[in-house]
Amino acid sequence: MIYEVSRAIILAAGFGSRMVPVTLDRPKPLVEVKGKRIIDTLLDSLLEAGIDDITIVRGYKKECFDELLVKCPMLSFRENTFFDTANSISSAMAAL
């Protein structure tokens, strides 16, 4: 049986405490490594696979994720308001 993926959800609400001080001013997925944001690798792969229905669950410094709309205006966002007190299950629940 062949499965075809048409949608993606990226859980990106956390603080990234193991990357402090780099994450003090931006969420971990938006940190640049060798000139490229961490999340760009994932977004590029999804788009290359033909998946453009992408939702990002954001929390910590959520407004920073708006910069992704320049590259990918089709993105949608969900908010995890419990990102600072709960684990990634709360992000999965926010995606629902």
N, C-alpha and C. Protein backbone atom coordinates (compact mmCIF):
# COMPACT_ATOMS: atom_id res chain seq x y z
N MET A 1 0.84 -1.17 0.00
CA MET A 1 0.00 0.00 0.00
C MET A 1 0.89 1.25 0.00
N ILE A 2 0.59 2.19 -0.87
CA ILE A 2 1.37 3.42 -0.98
C ILE A 2 0.63 4.54 -0.25
N TYR A 3 1.38 5.25 0.58
CA TYR A 3 0.82 6.37 1.32
C TYR A 3 1.33 7.68 0.70
N GLU A 4 0.46 8.63 0.58
CA GLU A 4 0.85 9.93 0.06
C GLU A 4 0.59 10.98 1.12
N VAL A 5 1.61 11.73 1.44
CA VAL A 5 1.50 12.78 2.45
C VAL A 5 1.15 14.09 1.76
N SER A 6 0.15 14.77 2.28
CA SER A 6 -0.25 16.03 1.67
C SER A 6 -0.15 17.21 2.64
N ARG A 7 0.02 16.91 3.93
CA ARG A 7 0.08 17.97 4.95
C ARG A 7 1.21 17.67 5.92
N ALA A 8 1.74 18.73 6.53
CA ALA A 8 2.78 18.57 7.53
C ALA A 8 2.53 19.51 8.70
N ILE A 9 2.87 19.03 9.88
CA ILE A 9 2.80 19.84 11.09
C ILE A 9 4.18 19.82 11.72
N ILE A 10 4.71 21.01 11.98
CA ILE A 10 6.02 21.15 12.61
C ILE A 10 5.82 21.68 14.02
N LEU A 11 6.29 20.91 15.01
CA LEU A 11 6.19 21.34 16.40
C LEU A 11 7.42 22.17 16.72
N ALA A 12 7.20 23.47 16.96
CA ALA A 12 8.33 24.39 17.13
C ALA A 12 8.06 25.42 18.23
N ALA A 13 7.41 25.00 19.31
CA ALA A 13 6.99 25.94 20.33
C ALA A 13 7.97 26.12 21.47
N GLY A 14 8.91 25.21 21.62
CA GLY A 14 9.78 25.21 22.79
C GLY A 14 10.78 26.35 22.87
N PHE A 15 11.43 26.44 24.00
CA PHE A 15 12.38 27.51 24.29
C PHE A 15 13.76 27.22 23.73
N GLY A 16 14.17 25.99 23.70
CA GLY A 16 15.52 25.65 23.23
C GLY A 16 16.56 25.95 24.29
N SER A 17 16.28 25.54 25.51
CA SER A 17 17.14 25.90 26.65
C SER A 17 18.57 25.37 26.52
N ARG A 18 18.76 24.27 25.81
CA ARG A 18 20.12 23.73 25.66
C ARG A 18 20.95 24.55 24.68
N MET A 19 20.32 25.52 24.01
CA MET A 19 21.05 26.36 23.06
C MET A 19 21.23 27.79 23.55
N VAL A 20 20.90 28.05 24.82
CA VAL A 20 21.12 29.38 25.39
C VAL A 20 22.62 29.64 25.36
N PRO A 21 23.10 30.80 25.01
CA PRO A 21 22.40 32.09 24.86
C PRO A 21 21.86 32.36 23.46
N VAL A 22 22.07 31.46 22.52
CA VAL A 22 21.64 31.70 21.14
C VAL A 22 20.13 31.88 21.05
N THR A 23 19.37 31.20 21.91
CA THR A 23 17.91 31.25 21.82
C THR A 23 17.28 32.32 22.72
N LEU A 24 18.07 33.18 23.29
CA LEU A 24 17.49 34.22 24.14
C LEU A 24 16.68 35.23 23.34
N ASP A 25 17.02 35.43 22.08
CA ASP A 25 16.30 36.42 21.28
C ASP A 25 15.48 35.82 20.13
N ARG A 26 15.54 34.49 19.95
CA ARG A 26 14.77 33.86 18.88
C ARG A 26 14.56 32.38 19.17
N PRO A 27 13.49 31.81 18.65
CA PRO A 27 13.23 30.38 18.85
C PRO A 27 14.29 29.51 18.17
N LYS A 28 14.53 28.35 18.72
CA LYS A 28 15.54 27.44 18.20
C LYS A 28 15.41 27.16 16.70
N PRO A 29 14.22 26.93 16.16
CA PRO A 29 14.13 26.64 14.72
C PRO A 29 14.61 27.79 13.83
N LEU A 30 14.65 29.00 14.37
CA LEU A 30 15.06 30.16 13.58
C LEU A 30 16.53 30.51 13.76
N VAL A 31 17.23 29.74 14.56
CA VAL A 31 18.67 29.93 14.74
C VAL A 31 19.37 29.54 13.44
N GLU A 32 20.34 30.33 13.05
CA GLU A 32 21.09 30.02 11.82
C GLU A 32 22.30 29.15 12.13
N VAL A 33 22.49 28.15 11.29
CA VAL A 33 23.66 27.29 11.33
C VAL A 33 24.28 27.35 9.94
N LYS A 34 25.49 27.83 9.86
CA LYS A 34 26.19 28.01 8.57
C LYS A 34 25.35 28.84 7.62
N GLY A 35 24.72 29.89 8.14
CA GLY A 35 23.97 30.83 7.31
C GLY A 35 22.57 30.41 6.92
N LYS A 36 22.08 29.30 7.46
CA LYS A 36 20.74 28.82 7.12
C LYS A 36 19.98 28.51 8.41
N ARG A 37 18.74 29.00 8.48
CA ARG A 37 17.91 28.71 9.66
C ARG A 37 17.64 27.21 9.74
N ILE A 38 17.61 26.69 10.95
CA ILE A 38 17.38 25.26 11.16
C ILE A 38 16.09 24.82 10.48
N ILE A 39 15.04 25.58 10.60
CA ILE A 39 13.74 25.19 10.05
C ILE A 39 13.72 25.22 8.52
N ASP A 40 14.61 25.99 7.91
CA ASP A 40 14.63 26.06 6.44
C ASP A 40 14.94 24.72 5.80
N THR A 41 15.79 23.92 6.43
CA THR A 41 16.11 22.60 5.90
C THR A 41 14.85 21.75 5.82
N LEU A 42 14.06 21.80 6.86
CA LEU A 42 12.81 21.04 6.90
C LEU A 42 11.80 21.58 5.89
N LEU A 43 11.64 22.90 5.86
CA LEU A 43 10.69 23.50 4.91
C LEU A 43 11.09 23.20 3.46
N ASP A 44 12.37 23.32 3.16
CA ASP A 44 12.84 23.03 1.80
C ASP A 44 12.54 21.58 1.41
N SER A 45 12.75 20.66 2.33
CA SER A 45 12.48 19.24 2.05
C SER A 45 11.00 18.99 1.83
N LEU A 46 10.16 19.60 2.63
CA LEU A 46 8.72 19.43 2.46
C LEU A 46 8.25 19.98 1.12
N LEU A 47 8.71 21.18 0.78
CA LEU A 47 8.31 21.79 -0.49
C LEU A 47 8.83 20.98 -1.67
N GLU A 48 10.04 20.47 -1.57
CA GLU A 48 10.61 19.64 -2.64
C GLU A 48 9.79 18.36 -2.84
N ALA A 49 9.21 17.87 -1.76
CA ALA A 49 8.38 16.66 -1.83
C ALA A 49 6.95 16.97 -2.28
N GLY A 50 6.67 18.23 -2.55
CA GLY A 50 5.34 18.61 -3.02
C GLY A 50 4.34 18.87 -1.91
N ILE A 51 4.82 19.01 -0.69
CA ILE A 51 3.94 19.27 0.45
C ILE A 51 3.98 20.76 0.74
N ASP A 52 2.85 21.43 0.51
CA ASP A 52 2.83 22.87 0.77
C ASP A 52 1.73 23.28 1.76
N ASP A 53 1.03 22.30 2.28
CA ASP A 53 0.06 22.56 3.35
C ASP A 53 0.80 22.30 4.67
N ILE A 54 1.44 23.36 5.18
CA ILE A 54 2.34 23.23 6.33
C ILE A 54 1.84 24.11 7.47
N THR A 55 1.70 23.50 8.63
CA THR A 55 1.31 24.22 9.84
C THR A 55 2.47 24.15 10.83
N ILE A 56 2.79 25.29 11.42
CA ILE A 56 3.83 25.34 12.44
C ILE A 56 3.17 25.69 13.77
N VAL A 57 3.41 24.85 14.77
CA VAL A 57 2.92 25.14 16.12
C VAL A 57 4.02 25.93 16.80
N ARG A 58 3.71 27.15 17.19
CA ARG A 58 4.70 28.05 17.77
C ARG A 58 4.28 28.46 19.17
N GLY A 59 5.26 28.91 19.94
CA GLY A 59 4.99 29.34 21.31
C GLY A 59 5.98 30.42 21.73
N TYR A 60 7.19 30.00 22.10
CA TYR A 60 8.22 30.94 22.54
C TYR A 60 8.57 31.93 21.42
N LYS A 61 8.46 33.22 21.74
CA LYS A 61 8.74 34.30 20.78
C LYS A 61 8.05 34.04 19.44
N LYS A 62 6.76 33.73 19.54
CA LYS A 62 5.98 33.30 18.38
C LYS A 62 5.99 34.29 17.22
N GLU A 63 6.08 35.58 17.53
CA GLU A 63 6.06 36.58 16.47
C GLU A 63 7.27 36.48 15.53
N CYS A 64 8.36 35.91 16.01
CA CYS A 64 9.56 35.74 15.17
C CYS A 64 9.29 34.82 13.98
N PHE A 65 8.37 33.90 14.13
CA PHE A 65 8.06 32.96 13.04
C PHE A 65 7.42 33.65 11.83
N ASP A 66 6.88 34.85 12.04
CA ASP A 66 6.27 35.58 10.93
C ASP A 66 7.26 35.84 9.80
N GLU A 67 8.56 35.89 10.11
CA GLU A 67 9.57 36.12 9.06
C GLU A 67 9.59 34.98 8.03
N LEU A 68 9.08 33.82 8.40
CA LEU A 68 9.01 32.69 7.46
C LEU A 68 8.01 32.93 6.34
N LEU A 69 7.06 33.81 6.57
CA LEU A 69 6.02 34.07 5.57
C LEU A 69 6.58 34.73 4.31
N VAL A 70 7.74 35.35 4.42
CA VAL A 70 8.37 35.94 3.23
C VAL A 70 8.74 34.83 2.25
N LYS A 71 9.32 33.76 2.76
CA LYS A 71 9.73 32.63 1.93
C LYS A 71 8.57 31.70 1.62
N CYS A 72 7.70 31.50 2.59
CA CYS A 72 6.60 30.53 2.46
C CYS A 72 5.29 31.17 2.90
N PRO A 73 4.68 31.98 2.03
CA PRO A 73 3.44 32.68 2.42
C PRO A 73 2.26 31.76 2.69
N MET A 74 2.37 30.48 2.29
CA MET A 74 1.27 29.55 2.48
C MET A 74 1.25 28.93 3.88
N LEU A 75 2.26 29.20 4.68
CA LEU A 75 2.32 28.62 6.03
C LEU A 75 1.14 29.06 6.87
N SER A 76 0.72 28.17 7.75
CA SER A 76 -0.27 28.56 8.76
C SER A 76 0.35 28.27 10.13
N PHE A 77 -0.14 28.96 11.12
CA PHE A 77 0.41 28.84 12.47
C PHE A 77 -0.68 28.45 13.46
N ARG A 78 -0.29 27.69 14.44
CA ARG A 78 -1.12 27.40 15.61
C ARG A 78 -0.31 27.84 16.82
N GLU A 79 -1.00 28.25 17.86
CA GLU A 79 -0.32 28.74 19.06
C GLU A 79 -0.39 27.72 20.18
N ASN A 80 0.75 27.46 20.81
CA ASN A 80 0.79 26.64 22.01
C ASN A 80 1.03 27.59 23.18
N THR A 81 -0.01 27.94 23.87
CA THR A 81 0.11 28.88 24.98
C THR A 81 0.71 28.23 26.23
N PHE A 82 0.85 26.90 26.21
CA PHE A 82 1.42 26.18 27.35
C PHE A 82 2.87 25.77 27.12
N PHE A 83 3.53 26.35 26.12
CA PHE A 83 4.88 25.92 25.75
C PHE A 83 5.87 26.01 26.90
N ASP A 84 5.64 26.94 27.84
CA ASP A 84 6.60 27.15 28.93
C ASP A 84 6.31 26.31 30.17
N THR A 85 5.18 25.61 30.18
CA THR A 85 4.84 24.81 31.36
C THR A 85 4.56 23.34 31.03
N ALA A 86 4.44 23.02 29.76
CA ALA A 86 4.11 21.64 29.37
C ALA A 86 5.13 21.13 28.36
N ASN A 87 4.98 19.87 27.99
CA ASN A 87 5.92 19.27 27.03
C ASN A 87 5.35 19.32 25.62
N SER A 88 5.97 18.60 24.70
CA SER A 88 5.56 18.67 23.29
C SER A 88 4.18 18.08 23.03
N ILE A 89 3.65 17.33 23.97
CA ILE A 89 2.27 16.83 23.82
C ILE A 89 1.31 18.01 23.73
N SER A 90 1.61 19.10 24.46
CA SER A 90 0.74 20.27 24.39
C SER A 90 0.79 20.90 22.99
N SER A 91 1.92 20.80 22.31
CA SER A 91 2.01 21.30 20.94
C SER A 91 1.21 20.41 20.01
N ALA A 92 1.25 19.12 20.21
CA ALA A 92 0.44 18.22 19.40
C ALA A 92 -1.04 18.50 19.60
N MET A 93 -1.43 18.77 20.82
CA MET A 93 -2.83 19.09 21.10
C MET A 93 -3.22 20.42 20.44
N ALA A 94 -2.30 21.39 20.43
CA ALA A 94 -2.58 22.67 19.77
C ALA A 94 -2.77 22.48 18.28
N ALA A 95 -2.08 21.50 17.72
CA ALA A 95 -2.20 21.24 16.28
C ALA A 95 -3.56 20.68 15.93
N LEU A 96 -4.20 19.99 16.87
CA LEU A 96 -5.52 19.43 16.60
C LEU A 96 -6.54 20.53 16.39
